[in-house]
Amino acid sequence: SSCKVAPAGHKASVDRSGAEKCPAGTYSVGGASECTSCEAGKFSAEGAVGCTPATTCGAGTRIQTESTSTSDAICEDCLAGTFSTGGTAECTECEVGKYSTTTKAVGCTLAATCGAGTRVEIASTSTSETVCEACTAGTFSTGGTAECAKCQEGFYSSFRNSPTCFACAAGKYVSADNTKCLSCPAGKISG
């Protein structure tokens, strides 16, 4: 009888009477007396003829479980309010004033600021955008505030979204709701 080459994924047994499967984390291309260990970043199952490169967790995901010589890495999507540029064990929280509304985010979006004539109705969170609301007539805002201010005495704003209040012309006075100028009645003067 003749001697045979141990098949790929196997090594010759110690007494050379047969072949044994290479254990997980090793491989053999055949004809080997020993199985070769997988290089770092690669893995194999039992009886492998080579090692497989481990999965790289990309942007928008995190490494839930690191790869070993016997198992692949397991990746998990980043949740809304967090992001990842890839290859990290944790997703990063969006900083204050930024948000992400989707899973697998690769960055966070700068939240809007409420401009002149509006107020912050709902402040942004790590998962939601700022909601702005227009100031009502009789009030104003220079922007970025939680409340619209009532026009000071003697001033008015007659429209929504006003960035300022205006003084009435001579001979007129401001209505009680600060939304318009009214003419002084006969015999009365403004001021």
N, C-alpha and C. Protein backbone atom coordinates (compact mmCIF):
# COMPACT_ATOMS: atom_id res chain seq x y z
N SER A 1 0.84 -1.19 0.00
CA SER A 1 0.00 0.00 0.00
C SER A 1 0.88 1.24 0.00
N SER A 2 0.31 2.35 -0.47
CA SER A 2 1.08 3.59 -0.56
C SER A 2 0.58 4.60 0.48
N CYS A 3 1.39 5.60 0.77
CA CYS A 3 1.01 6.67 1.71
C CYS A 3 0.26 7.74 0.94
N LYS A 4 -0.77 8.28 1.58
CA LYS A 4 -1.58 9.34 0.95
C LYS A 4 -1.30 10.67 1.63
N VAL A 5 -1.56 11.72 0.90
CA VAL A 5 -1.43 13.07 1.44
C VAL A 5 -2.69 13.40 2.25
N ALA A 6 -2.49 13.97 3.44
CA ALA A 6 -3.65 14.40 4.23
C ALA A 6 -4.40 15.46 3.43
N PRO A 7 -5.73 15.33 3.32
CA PRO A 7 -6.48 16.28 2.49
C PRO A 7 -6.48 17.69 3.10
N ALA A 8 -6.84 18.66 2.27
CA ALA A 8 -6.94 20.06 2.72
C ALA A 8 -7.92 20.13 3.88
N GLY A 9 -7.61 20.97 4.86
CA GLY A 9 -8.46 21.11 6.05
C GLY A 9 -8.17 20.06 7.11
N HIS A 10 -7.18 19.23 6.87
CA HIS A 10 -6.82 18.15 7.78
C HIS A 10 -5.30 18.14 8.00
N LYS A 11 -4.89 17.39 9.01
CA LYS A 11 -3.46 17.12 9.24
C LYS A 11 -3.31 15.63 9.51
N ALA A 12 -2.15 15.15 9.30
CA ALA A 12 -1.90 13.73 9.58
C ALA A 12 -2.00 13.49 11.08
N SER A 13 -2.60 12.35 11.46
CA SER A 13 -2.69 12.02 12.88
C SER A 13 -1.28 11.76 13.42
N VAL A 14 -1.14 11.78 14.74
CA VAL A 14 0.17 11.61 15.37
C VAL A 14 0.82 10.29 14.92
N ASP A 15 0.06 9.22 14.86
CA ASP A 15 0.65 7.94 14.45
C ASP A 15 0.64 7.74 12.94
N ARG A 16 0.23 8.74 12.20
CA ARG A 16 0.21 8.79 10.74
C ARG A 16 -0.71 7.71 10.12
N SER A 17 -1.67 7.25 10.92
CA SER A 17 -2.57 6.21 10.42
C SER A 17 -3.83 6.80 9.77
N GLY A 18 -4.03 8.09 9.91
CA GLY A 18 -5.21 8.73 9.34
C GLY A 18 -5.07 10.25 9.37
N ALA A 19 -6.16 10.92 9.07
CA ALA A 19 -6.15 12.39 9.07
C ALA A 19 -7.15 12.91 10.10
N GLU A 20 -6.80 14.04 10.70
CA GLU A 20 -7.68 14.71 11.67
C GLU A 20 -8.04 16.08 11.11
N LYS A 21 -9.30 16.50 11.34
CA LYS A 21 -9.70 17.84 10.89
C LYS A 21 -8.91 18.88 11.66
N CYS A 22 -8.54 19.93 10.96
CA CYS A 22 -7.91 21.06 11.64
C CYS A 22 -8.95 21.72 12.55
N PRO A 23 -8.56 22.10 13.77
CA PRO A 23 -9.54 22.75 14.66
C PRO A 23 -9.87 24.16 14.17
N ALA A 24 -11.00 24.67 14.62
CA ALA A 24 -11.38 26.04 14.29
C ALA A 24 -10.26 26.98 14.69
N GLY A 25 -10.02 28.00 13.88
CA GLY A 25 -8.94 28.95 14.16
C GLY A 25 -7.65 28.56 13.47
N THR A 26 -7.66 27.41 12.77
CA THR A 26 -6.49 26.95 12.02
C THR A 26 -6.95 26.48 10.64
N TYR A 27 -5.96 26.17 9.78
CA TYR A 27 -6.29 25.68 8.44
C TYR A 27 -5.13 24.82 7.92
N SER A 28 -5.44 24.11 6.83
CA SER A 28 -4.42 23.32 6.15
C SER A 28 -4.76 23.28 4.66
N VAL A 29 -3.74 23.43 3.81
CA VAL A 29 -3.96 23.33 2.37
C VAL A 29 -3.75 21.89 1.91
N GLY A 30 -3.45 20.99 2.82
CA GLY A 30 -3.28 19.58 2.48
C GLY A 30 -1.83 19.16 2.57
N GLY A 31 -1.60 17.90 2.94
CA GLY A 31 -0.26 17.35 3.03
C GLY A 31 0.51 17.88 4.21
N ALA A 32 -0.18 18.41 5.22
CA ALA A 32 0.51 19.02 6.36
C ALA A 32 0.50 18.08 7.56
N SER A 33 1.55 18.20 8.36
CA SER A 33 1.58 17.44 9.60
C SER A 33 1.02 18.28 10.75
N GLU A 34 0.94 19.59 10.54
CA GLU A 34 0.36 20.51 11.53
C GLU A 34 -0.57 21.47 10.82
N CYS A 35 -1.57 21.96 11.51
CA CYS A 35 -2.47 22.99 10.97
C CYS A 35 -1.86 24.35 11.29
N THR A 36 -2.06 25.29 10.42
CA THR A 36 -1.50 26.64 10.59
C THR A 36 -2.55 27.55 11.23
N SER A 37 -2.13 28.34 12.23
CA SER A 37 -3.05 29.27 12.90
C SER A 37 -3.43 30.41 11.96
N CYS A 38 -4.66 30.87 12.08
CA CYS A 38 -5.10 32.03 11.30
C CYS A 38 -4.35 33.27 11.78
N GLU A 39 -4.06 34.16 10.83
CA GLU A 39 -3.42 35.43 11.17
C GLU A 39 -4.41 36.30 11.94
N ALA A 40 -3.90 37.30 12.64
CA ALA A 40 -4.76 38.26 13.35
C ALA A 40 -5.73 38.89 12.34
N GLY A 41 -6.98 39.05 12.74
CA GLY A 41 -7.97 39.67 11.86
C GLY A 41 -8.62 38.68 10.90
N LYS A 42 -8.31 37.37 11.07
CA LYS A 42 -8.93 36.33 10.23
C LYS A 42 -9.44 35.22 11.14
N PHE A 43 -10.39 34.43 10.63
CA PHE A 43 -10.95 33.34 11.42
C PHE A 43 -11.25 32.14 10.52
N SER A 44 -11.46 30.97 11.16
CA SER A 44 -11.85 29.77 10.40
C SER A 44 -12.68 28.85 11.27
N ALA A 45 -13.45 28.01 10.60
CA ALA A 45 -14.20 26.95 11.27
C ALA A 45 -13.35 25.68 11.25
N GLU A 46 -13.83 24.64 11.90
CA GLU A 46 -13.13 23.34 11.90
C GLU A 46 -13.02 22.82 10.47
N GLY A 47 -11.87 22.25 10.13
CA GLY A 47 -11.66 21.64 8.82
C GLY A 47 -11.47 22.66 7.70
N ALA A 48 -11.01 23.84 8.02
CA ALA A 48 -10.88 24.91 7.02
C ALA A 48 -9.65 24.71 6.13
N VAL A 49 -9.79 25.18 4.89
CA VAL A 49 -8.66 25.14 3.95
C VAL A 49 -8.00 26.51 3.83
N GLY A 50 -8.52 27.47 4.58
CA GLY A 50 -7.97 28.82 4.61
C GLY A 50 -8.72 29.62 5.66
N CYS A 51 -8.27 30.83 5.91
CA CYS A 51 -8.92 31.69 6.90
C CYS A 51 -9.64 32.83 6.18
N THR A 52 -10.72 33.29 6.75
CA THR A 52 -11.56 34.33 6.17
C THR A 52 -11.29 35.65 6.89
N PRO A 53 -11.12 36.75 6.14
CA PRO A 53 -10.94 38.05 6.81
C PRO A 53 -12.19 38.39 7.65
N ALA A 54 -11.96 38.89 8.85
CA ALA A 54 -13.07 39.26 9.73
C ALA A 54 -13.79 40.49 9.17
N THR A 55 -15.08 40.57 9.46
CA THR A 55 -15.89 41.72 9.07
C THR A 55 -15.37 42.97 9.75
N THR A 56 -15.30 44.05 9.00
CA THR A 56 -14.94 45.35 9.56
C THR A 56 -16.24 46.12 9.75
N CYS A 57 -16.51 46.55 10.97
CA CYS A 57 -17.72 47.31 11.23
C CYS A 57 -17.54 48.72 10.67
N GLY A 58 -18.37 49.07 9.72
CA GLY A 58 -18.23 50.34 9.01
C GLY A 58 -18.91 51.50 9.70
N ALA A 59 -18.89 52.63 9.00
CA ALA A 59 -19.50 53.85 9.51
C ALA A 59 -20.99 53.61 9.79
N GLY A 60 -21.47 54.17 10.89
CA GLY A 60 -22.87 54.01 11.27
C GLY A 60 -23.14 52.76 12.10
N THR A 61 -22.06 51.99 12.37
CA THR A 61 -22.20 50.79 13.19
C THR A 61 -21.13 50.78 14.27
N ARG A 62 -21.30 49.86 15.21
CA ARG A 62 -20.30 49.66 16.26
C ARG A 62 -19.97 48.18 16.34
N ILE A 63 -18.83 47.86 16.92
CA ILE A 63 -18.43 46.47 17.11
C ILE A 63 -19.15 45.94 18.36
N GLN A 64 -20.12 45.05 18.16
CA GLN A 64 -20.83 44.46 19.30
C GLN A 64 -19.96 43.36 19.91
N THR A 65 -19.37 42.53 19.02
CA THR A 65 -18.48 41.44 19.47
C THR A 65 -17.26 41.44 18.56
N GLU A 66 -16.08 41.50 19.15
CA GLU A 66 -14.83 41.46 18.38
C GLU A 66 -14.68 40.09 17.73
N SER A 67 -13.99 40.05 16.60
CA SER A 67 -13.70 38.76 15.96
C SER A 67 -12.62 38.03 16.77
N THR A 68 -12.63 36.70 16.67
CA THR A 68 -11.58 35.87 17.26
C THR A 68 -11.06 34.98 16.13
N SER A 69 -10.13 34.13 16.43
CA SER A 69 -9.61 33.22 15.39
C SER A 69 -10.66 32.19 14.97
N THR A 70 -11.72 32.05 15.79
CA THR A 70 -12.76 31.05 15.49
C THR A 70 -14.12 31.65 15.15
N SER A 71 -14.26 32.99 15.22
CA SER A 71 -15.57 33.59 14.91
C SER A 71 -15.41 35.00 14.33
N ASP A 72 -16.37 35.37 13.52
CA ASP A 72 -16.38 36.68 12.87
C ASP A 72 -16.84 37.75 13.87
N ALA A 73 -16.52 39.00 13.56
CA ALA A 73 -17.01 40.13 14.36
C ALA A 73 -18.51 40.27 14.15
N ILE A 74 -19.21 40.78 15.14
CA ILE A 74 -20.64 41.08 15.02
C ILE A 74 -20.79 42.59 15.15
N CYS A 75 -21.43 43.19 14.14
CA CYS A 75 -21.63 44.64 14.13
C CYS A 75 -23.07 44.96 14.51
N GLU A 76 -23.28 46.14 15.09
CA GLU A 76 -24.62 46.58 15.47
C GLU A 76 -24.79 48.02 15.00
N ASP A 77 -25.97 48.33 14.46
CA ASP A 77 -26.25 49.69 13.98
C ASP A 77 -26.27 50.68 15.14
N CYS A 78 -25.76 51.89 14.91
CA CYS A 78 -25.89 52.97 15.88
C CYS A 78 -27.36 53.41 15.90
N LEU A 79 -27.85 53.75 17.06
CA LEU A 79 -29.24 54.20 17.21
C LEU A 79 -29.36 55.68 16.90
N ALA A 80 -30.58 56.15 16.67
CA ALA A 80 -30.82 57.58 16.48
C ALA A 80 -30.25 58.33 17.68
N GLY A 81 -29.64 59.48 17.43
CA GLY A 81 -29.03 60.26 18.51
C GLY A 81 -27.56 59.94 18.72
N THR A 82 -27.07 58.93 17.96
CA THR A 82 -25.66 58.54 18.05
C THR A 82 -25.11 58.36 16.64
N PHE A 83 -23.79 58.25 16.53
CA PHE A 83 -23.16 58.05 15.23
C PHE A 83 -21.85 57.31 15.40
N SER A 84 -21.30 56.85 14.27
CA SER A 84 -20.00 56.20 14.27
C SER A 84 -19.35 56.42 12.91
N THR A 85 -18.04 56.62 12.93
CA THR A 85 -17.29 56.71 11.67
C THR A 85 -16.70 55.34 11.32
N GLY A 86 -16.99 54.32 12.16
CA GLY A 86 -16.57 52.96 11.87
C GLY A 86 -15.42 52.48 12.71
N GLY A 87 -15.38 51.16 12.93
CA GLY A 87 -14.27 50.52 13.63
C GLY A 87 -14.19 50.78 15.11
N THR A 88 -15.29 51.22 15.73
CA THR A 88 -15.28 51.51 17.16
C THR A 88 -16.22 50.58 17.92
N ALA A 89 -15.95 50.41 19.20
CA ALA A 89 -16.78 49.54 20.04
C ALA A 89 -18.04 50.25 20.50
N GLU A 90 -18.07 51.57 20.46
CA GLU A 90 -19.23 52.33 20.91
C GLU A 90 -19.62 53.37 19.89
N CYS A 91 -20.91 53.67 19.83
CA CYS A 91 -21.39 54.78 19.02
C CYS A 91 -21.26 56.04 19.87
N THR A 92 -21.02 57.17 19.25
CA THR A 92 -20.82 58.43 19.96
C THR A 92 -22.13 59.22 20.01
N GLU A 93 -22.48 59.74 21.19
CA GLU A 93 -23.69 60.56 21.34
C GLU A 93 -23.51 61.87 20.58
N CYS A 94 -24.59 62.34 19.97
CA CYS A 94 -24.56 63.66 19.34
C CYS A 94 -24.37 64.70 20.44
N GLU A 95 -23.52 65.69 20.19
CA GLU A 95 -23.30 66.73 21.20
C GLU A 95 -24.50 67.67 21.24
N VAL A 96 -24.61 68.45 22.31
CA VAL A 96 -25.71 69.40 22.47
C VAL A 96 -25.74 70.34 21.26
N GLY A 97 -26.94 70.55 20.71
CA GLY A 97 -27.08 71.42 19.55
C GLY A 97 -26.96 70.68 18.23
N LYS A 98 -26.79 69.34 18.30
CA LYS A 98 -26.74 68.51 17.10
C LYS A 98 -27.65 67.31 17.32
N TYR A 99 -28.07 66.68 16.21
CA TYR A 99 -28.98 65.54 16.32
C TYR A 99 -28.81 64.59 15.14
N SER A 100 -29.32 63.37 15.32
CA SER A 100 -29.47 62.41 14.21
C SER A 100 -30.80 61.70 14.43
N THR A 101 -31.61 61.62 13.38
CA THR A 101 -32.95 61.04 13.51
C THR A 101 -33.00 59.60 13.02
N THR A 102 -31.91 59.10 12.43
CA THR A 102 -31.93 57.76 11.84
C THR A 102 -30.92 56.84 12.52
N THR A 103 -31.10 55.55 12.31
CA THR A 103 -30.08 54.59 12.74
C THR A 103 -28.97 54.62 11.69
N LYS A 104 -27.82 54.08 12.04
CA LYS A 104 -26.65 53.99 11.15
C LYS A 104 -26.12 55.37 10.72
N ALA A 105 -26.28 56.38 11.57
CA ALA A 105 -25.79 57.72 11.23
C ALA A 105 -24.26 57.75 11.25
N VAL A 106 -23.69 58.50 10.32
CA VAL A 106 -22.24 58.64 10.24
C VAL A 106 -21.80 60.00 10.80
N GLY A 107 -22.75 60.80 11.26
CA GLY A 107 -22.47 62.10 11.85
C GLY A 107 -23.79 62.69 12.36
N CYS A 108 -23.70 63.83 13.00
CA CYS A 108 -24.88 64.50 13.53
C CYS A 108 -25.08 65.83 12.79
N THR A 109 -26.33 66.25 12.69
CA THR A 109 -26.70 67.47 11.98
C THR A 109 -26.82 68.62 12.97
N LEU A 110 -26.33 69.78 12.59
CA LEU A 110 -26.45 70.96 13.43
C LEU A 110 -27.92 71.37 13.51
N ALA A 111 -28.44 71.51 14.72
CA ALA A 111 -29.84 71.90 14.92
C ALA A 111 -30.05 73.36 14.53
N ALA A 112 -31.24 73.66 14.06
CA ALA A 112 -31.59 75.03 13.65
C ALA A 112 -31.65 75.94 14.87
N THR A 113 -31.37 77.20 14.65
CA THR A 113 -31.60 78.21 15.68
C THR A 113 -32.78 79.04 15.21
N CYS A 114 -33.62 79.43 16.13
CA CYS A 114 -34.80 80.20 15.77
C CYS A 114 -34.38 81.65 15.55
N GLY A 115 -34.74 82.17 14.40
CA GLY A 115 -34.33 83.51 14.01
C GLY A 115 -35.22 84.60 14.57
N ALA A 116 -34.93 85.83 14.19
CA ALA A 116 -35.70 87.00 14.63
C ALA A 116 -37.16 86.81 14.25
N GLY A 117 -38.05 87.19 15.16
CA GLY A 117 -39.49 87.08 14.92
C GLY A 117 -40.06 85.72 15.28
N THR A 118 -39.20 84.84 15.81
CA THR A 118 -39.66 83.51 16.23
C THR A 118 -39.13 83.19 17.61
N ARG A 119 -39.69 82.12 18.18
CA ARG A 119 -39.23 81.63 19.48
C ARG A 119 -39.03 80.13 19.39
N VAL A 120 -38.26 79.57 20.34
CA VAL A 120 -38.05 78.13 20.40
C VAL A 120 -39.29 77.51 21.06
N GLU A 121 -40.06 76.76 20.26
CA GLU A 121 -41.23 76.06 20.82
C GLU A 121 -40.78 74.76 21.47
N ILE A 122 -39.94 74.00 20.75
CA ILE A 122 -39.39 72.75 21.29
C ILE A 122 -37.89 72.74 20.98
N ALA A 123 -37.08 72.69 22.01
CA ALA A 123 -35.62 72.67 21.83
C ALA A 123 -35.19 71.35 21.19
N SER A 124 -34.12 71.38 20.42
CA SER A 124 -33.61 70.16 19.80
C SER A 124 -33.11 69.21 20.87
N THR A 125 -33.14 67.91 20.55
CA THR A 125 -32.56 66.88 21.40
C THR A 125 -31.56 66.12 20.52
N SER A 126 -30.95 65.09 21.05
CA SER A 126 -30.00 64.32 20.24
C SER A 126 -30.69 63.57 19.10
N THR A 127 -32.05 63.45 19.18
CA THR A 127 -32.79 62.73 18.13
C THR A 127 -33.82 63.59 17.41
N SER A 128 -33.88 64.89 17.71
CA SER A 128 -34.89 65.72 17.04
C SER A 128 -34.40 67.14 16.79
N GLU A 129 -34.95 67.74 15.74
CA GLU A 129 -34.64 69.10 15.31
C GLU A 129 -35.38 70.12 16.19
N THR A 130 -34.87 71.32 16.26
CA THR A 130 -35.52 72.43 16.95
C THR A 130 -36.83 72.76 16.23
N VAL A 131 -37.87 73.06 17.00
CA VAL A 131 -39.14 73.51 16.42
C VAL A 131 -39.32 74.97 16.81
N CYS A 132 -39.44 75.84 15.80
CA CYS A 132 -39.61 77.28 16.03
C CYS A 132 -41.07 77.66 15.81
N GLU A 133 -41.51 78.70 16.51
CA GLU A 133 -42.88 79.20 16.34
C GLU A 133 -42.81 80.71 16.15
N ALA A 134 -43.66 81.22 15.27
CA ALA A 134 -43.69 82.66 14.98
C ALA A 134 -44.22 83.43 16.18
N CYS A 135 -43.65 84.60 16.43
CA CYS A 135 -44.20 85.50 17.45
C CYS A 135 -45.54 86.04 16.95
N THR A 136 -46.47 86.23 17.84
CA THR A 136 -47.78 86.78 17.47
C THR A 136 -47.70 88.30 17.40
N ALA A 137 -48.69 88.91 16.75
CA ALA A 137 -48.77 90.37 16.70
C ALA A 137 -48.79 90.89 18.14
N GLY A 138 -48.11 92.01 18.37
CA GLY A 138 -48.02 92.58 19.72
C GLY A 138 -46.80 92.10 20.48
N THR A 139 -46.05 91.15 19.89
CA THR A 139 -44.83 90.63 20.51
C THR A 139 -43.71 90.64 19.47
N PHE A 140 -42.47 90.41 19.93
CA PHE A 140 -41.33 90.37 19.01
C PHE A 140 -40.25 89.48 19.60
N SER A 141 -39.27 89.16 18.76
CA SER A 141 -38.11 88.40 19.20
C SER A 141 -36.94 88.77 18.30
N THR A 142 -35.77 88.90 18.91
CA THR A 142 -34.56 89.13 18.11
C THR A 142 -33.92 87.79 17.73
N GLY A 143 -34.53 86.67 18.19
CA GLY A 143 -34.06 85.33 17.82
C GLY A 143 -33.39 84.59 18.94
N GLY A 144 -33.50 83.25 18.90
CA GLY A 144 -32.83 82.38 19.85
C GLY A 144 -33.41 82.36 21.25
N THR A 145 -34.62 82.84 21.43
CA THR A 145 -35.22 82.89 22.77
C THR A 145 -36.36 81.89 22.89
N ALA A 146 -36.70 81.53 24.12
CA ALA A 146 -37.79 80.59 24.37
C ALA A 146 -39.14 81.30 24.34
N GLU A 147 -39.15 82.61 24.55
CA GLU A 147 -40.40 83.36 24.57
C GLU A 147 -40.28 84.61 23.71
N CYS A 148 -41.42 85.02 23.15
CA CYS A 148 -41.49 86.29 22.44
C CYS A 148 -41.80 87.34 23.50
N ALA A 149 -41.20 88.51 23.39
CA ALA A 149 -41.41 89.57 24.38
C ALA A 149 -42.56 90.47 23.95
N LYS A 150 -43.33 90.93 24.91
CA LYS A 150 -44.40 91.88 24.63
C LYS A 150 -43.75 93.23 24.31
N CYS A 151 -44.29 93.93 23.33
CA CYS A 151 -43.75 95.25 23.01
C CYS A 151 -43.85 96.15 24.23
N GLN A 152 -42.80 96.96 24.45
CA GLN A 152 -42.82 97.85 25.60
C GLN A 152 -43.91 98.91 25.42
N GLU A 153 -44.27 99.53 26.49
CA GLU A 153 -45.35 100.52 26.46
C GLU A 153 -45.04 101.62 25.44
N GLY A 154 -46.02 101.93 24.63
CA GLY A 154 -45.86 102.97 23.62
C GLY A 154 -45.37 102.42 22.28
N PHE A 155 -45.14 101.11 22.19
CA PHE A 155 -44.67 100.49 20.95
C PHE A 155 -45.63 99.37 20.55
N TYR A 156 -45.60 99.00 19.26
CA TYR A 156 -46.52 97.97 18.75
C TYR A 156 -45.82 97.14 17.67
N SER A 157 -46.41 95.98 17.40
CA SER A 157 -46.05 95.19 16.21
C SER A 157 -47.37 94.65 15.67
N SER A 158 -47.64 94.94 14.42
CA SER A 158 -48.95 94.61 13.87
C SER A 158 -48.97 93.29 13.10
N PHE A 159 -47.84 92.58 13.04
CA PHE A 159 -47.79 91.35 12.26
C PHE A 159 -47.03 90.25 13.00
N ARG A 160 -47.27 89.01 12.57
CA ARG A 160 -46.54 87.86 13.12
C ARG A 160 -45.08 87.93 12.66
N ASN A 161 -44.21 87.24 13.37
CA ASN A 161 -42.78 87.15 13.02
C ASN A 161 -42.05 88.49 13.12
N SER A 162 -42.49 89.37 13.98
CA SER A 162 -41.86 90.68 14.08
C SER A 162 -40.52 90.59 14.82
N PRO A 163 -39.46 91.18 14.22
CA PRO A 163 -38.17 91.19 14.88
C PRO A 163 -38.01 92.39 15.82
N THR A 164 -38.98 93.32 15.78
CA THR A 164 -38.88 94.54 16.60
C THR A 164 -40.27 95.13 16.77
N CYS A 165 -40.38 96.15 17.62
CA CYS A 165 -41.63 96.88 17.80
C CYS A 165 -41.42 98.32 17.31
N PHE A 166 -42.50 98.99 16.97
CA PHE A 166 -42.44 100.32 16.37
C PHE A 166 -43.19 101.32 17.23
N ALA A 167 -42.76 102.58 17.17
CA ALA A 167 -43.45 103.66 17.90
C ALA A 167 -44.57 104.20 17.01
N CYS A 168 -45.62 104.69 17.64
CA CYS A 168 -46.72 105.31 16.89
C CYS A 168 -46.33 106.74 16.51
N ALA A 169 -46.89 107.20 15.41
CA ALA A 169 -46.64 108.57 14.95
C ALA A 169 -47.35 109.56 15.88
N ALA A 170 -46.97 110.82 15.78
CA ALA A 170 -47.59 111.87 16.60
C ALA A 170 -49.10 111.86 16.38
N GLY A 171 -49.84 112.06 17.47
CA GLY A 171 -51.29 112.09 17.39
C GLY A 171 -51.93 110.72 17.47
N LYS A 172 -51.12 109.69 17.73
CA LYS A 172 -51.64 108.33 17.81
C LYS A 172 -51.13 107.67 19.09
N TYR A 173 -51.82 106.62 19.52
CA TYR A 173 -51.40 105.86 20.69
C TYR A 173 -51.55 104.37 20.40
N VAL A 174 -50.88 103.53 21.21
CA VAL A 174 -50.86 102.08 20.98
C VAL A 174 -52.09 101.44 21.61
N SER A 175 -52.69 100.48 20.87
CA SER A 175 -53.84 99.73 21.38
C SER A 175 -53.43 98.90 22.60
N ALA A 176 -54.41 98.47 23.38
CA ALA A 176 -54.15 97.70 24.61
C ALA A 176 -53.41 96.39 24.32
N ASP A 177 -53.64 95.80 23.15
CA ASP A 177 -52.99 94.54 22.82
C ASP A 177 -51.66 94.72 22.08
N ASN A 178 -51.20 95.97 21.95
CA ASN A 178 -49.92 96.33 21.34
C ASN A 178 -49.82 95.90 19.87
N THR A 179 -50.97 95.86 19.15
CA THR A 179 -50.94 95.41 17.76
C THR A 179 -51.17 96.52 16.74
N LYS A 180 -51.54 97.73 17.19
CA LYS A 180 -51.80 98.82 16.23
C LYS A 180 -51.78 100.17 16.91
N CYS A 181 -51.73 101.19 16.08
CA CYS A 181 -51.82 102.56 16.55
C CYS A 181 -53.23 103.05 16.31
N LEU A 182 -53.76 103.78 17.29
CA LEU A 182 -55.09 104.35 17.17
C LEU A 182 -54.96 105.86 17.23
N SER A 183 -55.86 106.57 16.54
CA SER A 183 -55.84 108.04 16.59
C SER A 183 -56.36 108.51 17.93
N CYS A 184 -55.72 109.56 18.44
CA CYS A 184 -56.18 110.14 19.69
C CYS A 184 -57.58 110.74 19.48
N PRO A 185 -58.49 110.56 20.44
CA PRO A 185 -59.82 111.15 20.29
C PRO A 185 -59.72 112.68 20.28
N ALA A 186 -60.76 113.31 19.80
CA ALA A 186 -60.79 114.78 19.74
C ALA A 186 -60.50 115.35 21.11
N GLY A 187 -59.65 116.33 21.14
CA GLY A 187 -59.31 117.02 22.38
C GLY A 187 -58.21 116.33 23.16
N LYS A 188 -57.67 115.22 22.68
CA LYS A 188 -56.60 114.49 23.39
C LYS A 188 -55.33 114.53 22.51
N ILE A 189 -54.17 114.37 23.16
CA ILE A 189 -52.90 114.36 22.44
C ILE A 189 -52.13 113.12 22.83
N SER A 190 -51.19 112.68 21.97
CA SER A 190 -50.36 111.51 22.30
C SER A 190 -49.18 111.95 23.14
N GLY A 191 -48.58 110.98 23.84
CA GLY A 191 -47.38 111.28 24.58
C GLY A 191 -47.58 111.10 25.97
